PDB file of N, CA and C in Angstrom:
ATOM      1  N   MET A   1      19.079 -14.276 -21.742  1.00  0.00           N
ATOM      2  CA  MET A   1      18.525 -15.370 -20.970  1.00  0.00           C
ATOM      3  C   MET A   1      18.846 -15.207 -19.480  1.00  0.00           C
ATOM      4  N   THR A   2      20.057 -14.783 -19.184  1.00  0.00           N
ATOM      5  CA  THR A   2      20.451 -14.582 -17.792  1.00  0.00           C
ATOM      6  C   THR A   2      19.613 -13.485 -17.150  1.00  0.00           C
ATOM      7  N   LEU A   3      19.369 -12.426 -17.898  1.00  0.00           N
ATOM      8  CA  LEU A   3      18.575 -11.317 -17.379  1.00  0.00           C
ATOM      9  C   LEU A   3      17.140 -11.763 -17.081  1.00  0.00           C
ATOM     10  N   VAL A   4      16.597 -12.590 -17.922  1.00  0.00           N
ATOM     11  CA  VAL A   4      15.242 -13.105 -17.708  1.00  0.00           C
ATOM     12  C   VAL A   4      15.186 -13.959 -16.445  1.00  0.00           C
ATOM     13  N   LEU A   5      16.156 -14.830 -16.261  1.00  0.00           N
ATOM     14  CA  LEU A   5      16.181 -15.687 -15.062  1.00  0.00           C
ATOM     15  C   LEU A   5      16.404 -14.867 -13.803  1.00  0.00           C
ATOM     16  N   LEU A   6      17.253 -13.858 -13.886  1.00  0.00           N
ATOM     17  CA  LEU A   6      17.478 -12.984 -12.741  1.00  0.00           C
ATOM     18  C   LEU A   6      16.193 -12.227 -12.392  1.00  0.00           C
ATOM     19  N   GLY A   7      15.516 -11.710 -13.397  1.00  0.00           N
ATOM     20  CA  GLY A   7      14.250 -11.010 -13.177  1.00  0.00           C
ATOM     21  C   GLY A   7      13.193 -11.923 -12.577  1.00  0.00           C
ATOM     22  N   LEU A   8      13.151 -13.149 -13.053  1.00  0.00           N
ATOM     23  CA  LEU A   8      12.198 -14.121 -12.519  1.00  0.00           C
ATOM     24  C   LEU A   8      12.485 -14.400 -11.044  1.00  0.00           C
ATOM     25  N   GLY A   9      13.757 -14.546 -10.708  1.00  0.00           N
ATOM     26  CA  GLY A   9      14.132 -14.783  -9.311  1.00  0.00           C
ATOM     27  C   GLY A   9      13.757 -13.621  -8.411  1.00  0.00           C
ATOM     28  N   VAL A  10      14.021 -12.410  -8.876  1.00  0.00           N
ATOM     29  CA  VAL A  10      13.681 -11.220  -8.094  1.00  0.00           C
ATOM     30  C   VAL A  10      12.178 -11.097  -7.933  1.00  0.00           C
ATOM     31  N   ASP A  11      11.440 -11.282  -9.002  1.00  0.00           N
ATOM     32  CA  ASP A  11       9.981 -11.184  -8.943  1.00  0.00           C
ATOM     33  C   ASP A  11       9.376 -12.243  -8.022  1.00  0.00           C
ATOM     34  N   ALA A  12       9.912 -13.456  -8.066  1.00  0.00           N
ATOM     35  CA  ALA A  12       9.405 -14.525  -7.199  1.00  0.00           C
ATOM     36  C   ALA A  12       9.680 -14.206  -5.730  1.00  0.00           C
ATOM     37  N   THR A  13      10.858 -13.667  -5.455  1.00  0.00           N
ATOM     38  CA  THR A  13      11.204 -13.303  -4.082  1.00  0.00           C
ATOM     39  C   THR A  13      10.308 -12.190  -3.564  1.00  0.00           C
ATOM     40  N   VAL A  14      10.124 -11.162  -4.373  1.00  0.00           N
ATOM     41  CA  VAL A  14       9.266 -10.045  -3.964  1.00  0.00           C
ATOM     42  C   VAL A  14       7.833 -10.530  -3.754  1.00  0.00           C
ATOM     43  N   GLY A  15       7.354 -11.376  -4.627  1.00  0.00           N
ATOM     44  CA  GLY A  15       5.998 -11.909  -4.492  1.00  0.00           C
ATOM     45  C   GLY A  15       5.824 -12.720  -3.229  1.00  0.00           C
ATOM     46  N   ALA A  16       6.799 -13.558  -2.905  1.00  0.00           N
ATOM     47  CA  ALA A  16       6.711 -14.381  -1.695  1.00  0.00           C
ATOM     48  C   ALA A  16       6.754 -13.513  -0.446  1.00  0.00           C
ATOM     49  N   LEU A  17       7.648 -12.538  -0.433  1.00  0.00           N
ATOM     50  CA  LEU A  17       7.740 -11.658   0.735  1.00  0.00           C
ATOM     51  C   LEU A  17       6.489 -10.794   0.883  1.00  0.00           C
ATOM     52  N   ALA A  18       5.948 -10.329  -0.229  1.00  0.00           N
ATOM     53  CA  ALA A  18       4.728  -9.520  -0.169  1.00  0.00           C
ATOM     54  C   ALA A  18       3.556 -10.346   0.360  1.00  0.00           C
ATOM     55  N   GLY A  19       3.488 -11.593  -0.022  1.00  0.00           N
ATOM     56  CA  GLY A  19       2.432 -12.464   0.470  1.00  0.00           C
ATOM     57  C   GLY A  19       2.519 -12.674   1.969  1.00  0.00           C
ATOM     58  N   ARG A  20       3.720 -12.891   2.472  1.00  0.00           N
ATOM     59  CA  ARG A  20       3.897 -13.077   3.923  1.00  0.00           C
ATOM     60  C   ARG A  20       3.584 -11.790   4.675  1.00  0.00           C
ATOM     61  N   LEU A  21       4.045 -10.666   4.143  1.00  0.00           N
ATOM     62  CA  LEU A  21       3.784  -9.380   4.788  1.00  0.00           C
ATOM     63  C   LEU A  21       2.290  -9.082   4.797  1.00  0.00           C
ATOM     64  N   ALA A  22       1.612  -9.367   3.701  1.00  0.00           N
ATOM     65  CA  ALA A  22       0.166  -9.140   3.634  1.00  0.00           C
ATOM     66  C   ALA A  22      -0.565  -9.983   4.669  1.00  0.00           C
ATOM     67  N   ALA A  23      -0.135 -11.218   4.852  1.00  0.00           N
ATOM     68  CA  ALA A  23      -0.780 -12.085   5.842  1.00  0.00           C
ATOM     69  C   ALA A  23      -0.593 -11.528   7.252  1.00  0.00           C
ATOM     70  N   LEU A  24       0.589 -11.017   7.542  1.00  0.00           N
ATOM     71  CA  LEU A  24       0.839 -10.431   8.863  1.00  0.00           C
ATOM     72  C   LEU A  24       0.009  -9.170   9.075  1.00  0.00           C
ATOM     73  N   LEU A  25      -0.043  -8.322   8.063  1.00  0.00           N
ATOM     74  CA  LEU A  25      -0.763  -7.053   8.197  1.00  0.00           C
ATOM     75  C   LEU A  25      -2.269  -7.253   8.251  1.00  0.00           C
ATOM     76  N   ARG A  26      -2.756  -8.283   7.591  1.00  0.00           N
ATOM     77  CA  ARG A  26      -4.182  -8.561   7.591  1.00  0.00           C
ATOM     78  C   ARG A  26      -4.693  -8.902   8.990  1.00  0.00           C
ATOM     79  N   ARG A  27      -3.846  -9.503   9.802  1.00  0.00           N
ATOM     80  CA  ARG A  27      -4.237  -9.894  11.159  1.00  0.00           C
ATOM     81  C   ARG A  27      -4.044  -8.772  12.172  1.00  0.00           C
ATOM     82  N   SER A  28      -3.412  -7.685  11.789  1.00  0.00           N
ATOM     83  CA  SER A  28      -3.074  -6.629  12.738  1.00  0.00           C
ATOM     84  C   SER A  28      -4.179  -5.576  12.814  1.00  0.00           C
ATOM     85  N   ARG A  29      -4.806  -5.473  13.965  1.00  0.00           N
ATOM     86  CA  ARG A  29      -5.833  -4.439  14.166  1.00  0.00           C
ATOM     87  C   ARG A  29      -5.196  -3.053  14.199  1.00  0.00           C
ATOM     88  N   ARG A  30      -3.997  -2.969  14.762  1.00  0.00           N
ATOM     89  CA  ARG A  30      -3.305  -1.685  14.860  1.00  0.00           C
ATOM     90  C   ARG A  30      -3.004  -1.132  13.458  1.00  0.00           C
ATOM     91  N   PHE A  31      -2.546  -1.990  12.567  1.00  0.00           N
ATOM     92  CA  PHE A  31      -2.258  -1.565  11.195  1.00  0.00           C
ATOM     93  C   PHE A  31      -3.536  -1.131  10.485  1.00  0.00           C
ATOM     94  N   ALA A  32      -4.613  -1.893  10.672  1.00  0.00           N
ATOM     95  CA  ALA A  32      -5.889  -1.555  10.037  1.00  0.00           C
ATOM     96  C   ALA A  32      -6.382  -0.193  10.516  1.00  0.00           C
ATOM     97  N   ARG A  33      -6.254   0.055  11.810  1.00  0.00           N
ATOM     98  CA  ARG A  33      -6.668   1.358  12.347  1.00  0.00           C
ATOM     99  C   ARG A  33      -5.806   2.479  11.769  1.00  0.00           C
ATOM    100  N   GLY A  34      -4.518   2.252  11.681  1.00  0.00           N
ATOM    101  CA  GLY A  34      -3.619   3.255  11.099  1.00  0.00           C
ATOM    102  C   GLY A  34      -3.961   3.550   9.648  1.00  0.00           C
ATOM    103  N   MET A  35      -4.272   2.508   8.883  1.00  0.00           N
ATOM    104  CA  MET A  35      -4.644   2.715   7.478  1.00  0.00           C
ATOM    105  C   MET A  35      -5.962   3.476   7.371  1.00  0.00           C
ATOM    106  N   ASN A  36      -6.893   3.225   8.274  1.00  0.00           N
ATOM    107  CA  ASN A  36      -8.152   3.970   8.281  1.00  0.00           C
ATOM    108  C   ASN A  36      -7.902   5.448   8.569  1.00  0.00           C
ATOM    109  N   VAL A  37      -7.011   5.729   9.507  1.00  0.00           N
ATOM    110  CA  VAL A  37      -6.685   7.118   9.838  1.00  0.00           C
ATOM    111  C   VAL A  37      -6.019   7.799   8.648  1.00  0.00           C
ATOM    112  N   VAL A  38      -5.080   7.120   8.017  1.00  0.00           N
ATOM    113  CA  VAL A  38      -4.375   7.700   6.868  1.00  0.00           C
ATOM    114  C   VAL A  38      -5.341   7.961   5.716  1.00  0.00           C
ATOM    115  N   SER A  39      -6.154   6.978   5.367  1.00  0.00           N
ATOM    116  CA  SER A  39      -7.073   7.175   4.243  1.00  0.00           C
ATOM    117  C   SER A  39      -8.125   8.231   4.560  1.00  0.00           C
ATOM    118  N   GLY A  40      -8.593   8.278   5.800  1.00  0.00           N
ATOM    119  CA  GLY A  40      -9.545   9.321   6.190  1.00  0.00           C
ATOM    120  C   GLY A  40      -8.927  10.701   6.104  1.00  0.00           C
ATOM    121  N   SER A  41      -7.660  10.814   6.495  1.00  0.00           N
ATOM    122  CA  SER A  41      -6.962  12.101   6.406  1.00  0.00           C
ATOM    123  C   SER A  41      -6.793  12.547   4.955  1.00  0.00           C
ATOM    124  N   VAL A  42      -6.484  11.599   4.088  1.00  0.00           N
ATOM    125  CA  VAL A  42      -6.339  11.924   2.663  1.00  0.00           C
ATOM    126  C   VAL A  42      -7.669  12.417   2.107  1.00  0.00           C
ATOM    127  N   PHE A  43      -8.758  11.730   2.414  1.00  0.00           N
ATOM    128  CA  PHE A  43     -10.069  12.163   1.925  1.00  0.00           C
ATOM    129  C   PHE A  43     -10.459  13.531   2.492  1.00  0.00           C
ATOM    130  N   ALA A  44     -10.154  13.766   3.760  1.00  0.00           N
ATOM    131  CA  ALA A  44     -10.455  15.065   4.365  1.00  0.00           C
ATOM    132  C   ALA A  44      -9.648  16.169   3.686  1.00  0.00           C
ATOM    133  N   ALA A  45      -8.361  15.906   3.414  1.00  0.00           N
ATOM    134  CA  ALA A  45      -7.520  16.898   2.740  1.00  0.00           C
ATOM    135  C   ALA A  45      -8.029  17.183   1.326  1.00  0.00           C
ATOM    136  N   LEU A  46      -8.462  16.142   0.639  1.00  0.00           N
ATOM    137  CA  LEU A  46      -9.027  16.340  -0.713  1.00  0.00           C
ATOM    138  C   LEU A  46     -10.329  17.143  -0.655  1.00  0.00           C
ATOM    139  N   ALA A  47     -11.148  16.902   0.366  1.00  0.00           N
ATOM    140  CA  ALA A  47     -12.388  17.656   0.514  1.00  0.00           C
ATOM    141  C   ALA A  47     -12.100  19.122   0.780  1.00  0.00           C
ATOM    142  N   VAL A  48     -11.125  19.400   1.635  1.00  0.00           N
ATOM    143  CA  VAL A  48     -10.756  20.788   1.916  1.00  0.00           C
ATOM    144  C   VAL A  48     -10.235  21.449   0.654  1.00  0.00           C
ATOM    145  N   ARG A  49      -9.423  20.734  -0.101  1.00  0.00           N
ATOM    146  CA  ARG A  49      -8.903  21.316  -1.346  1.00  0.00           C
ATOM    147  C   ARG A  49     -10.027  21.591  -2.336  1.00  0.00           C
ATOM    148  N   LEU A  50     -10.985  20.697  -2.406  1.00  0.00           N
ATOM    149  CA  LEU A  50     -12.118  20.866  -3.322  1.00  0.00           C
ATOM    150  C   LEU A  50     -12.955  22.083  -2.920  1.00  0.00           C
ATOM    151  N   VAL A  51     -13.192  22.234  -1.630  1.00  0.00           N
ATOM    152  CA  VAL A  51     -14.002  23.340  -1.140  1.00  0.00           C
ATOM    153  C   VAL A  51     -13.295  24.682  -1.340  1.00  0.00           C
ATOM    154  N   THR A  52     -11.999  24.711  -1.133  1.00  0.00           N
ATOM    155  CA  THR A  52     -11.261  25.977  -1.196  1.00  0.00           C
ATOM    156  C   THR A  52     -10.748  26.321  -2.588  1.00  0.00           C
ATOM    157  N   SER A  53     -10.897  25.440  -3.549  1.00  0.00           N
ATOM    158  CA  SER A  53     -10.381  25.727  -4.892  1.00  0.00           C
ATOM    159  C   SER A  53     -11.333  26.649  -5.644  1.00  0.00           C
ATOM    160  N   PRO A  54     -10.767  27.568  -6.401  1.00  0.00           N
ATOM    161  CA  PRO A  54     -11.622  28.438  -7.210  1.00  0.00           C
ATOM    162  C   PRO A  54     -12.227  27.643  -8.374  1.00  0.00           C
ATOM    163  N   GLU A  55     -13.323  28.142  -8.851  1.00  0.00           N
ATOM    164  CA  GLU A  55     -13.979  27.452  -9.955  1.00  0.00           C
ATOM    165  C   GLU A  55     -13.134  27.593 -11.152  1.00  0.00           C
TER     166      GLU A  55
END
């Protein structure tokens, strides 16, 4: 029972903090631009790997 209550407390804390962080990041243009650069780089790297991989 103690473990369940401890887990519930941790999960509630993480959920609340994640919600606040998401609200802050949603308003940030700088963060959005950075995420676009990161995701674009990942897709470009995957495309290069696909093109250069042997059949």
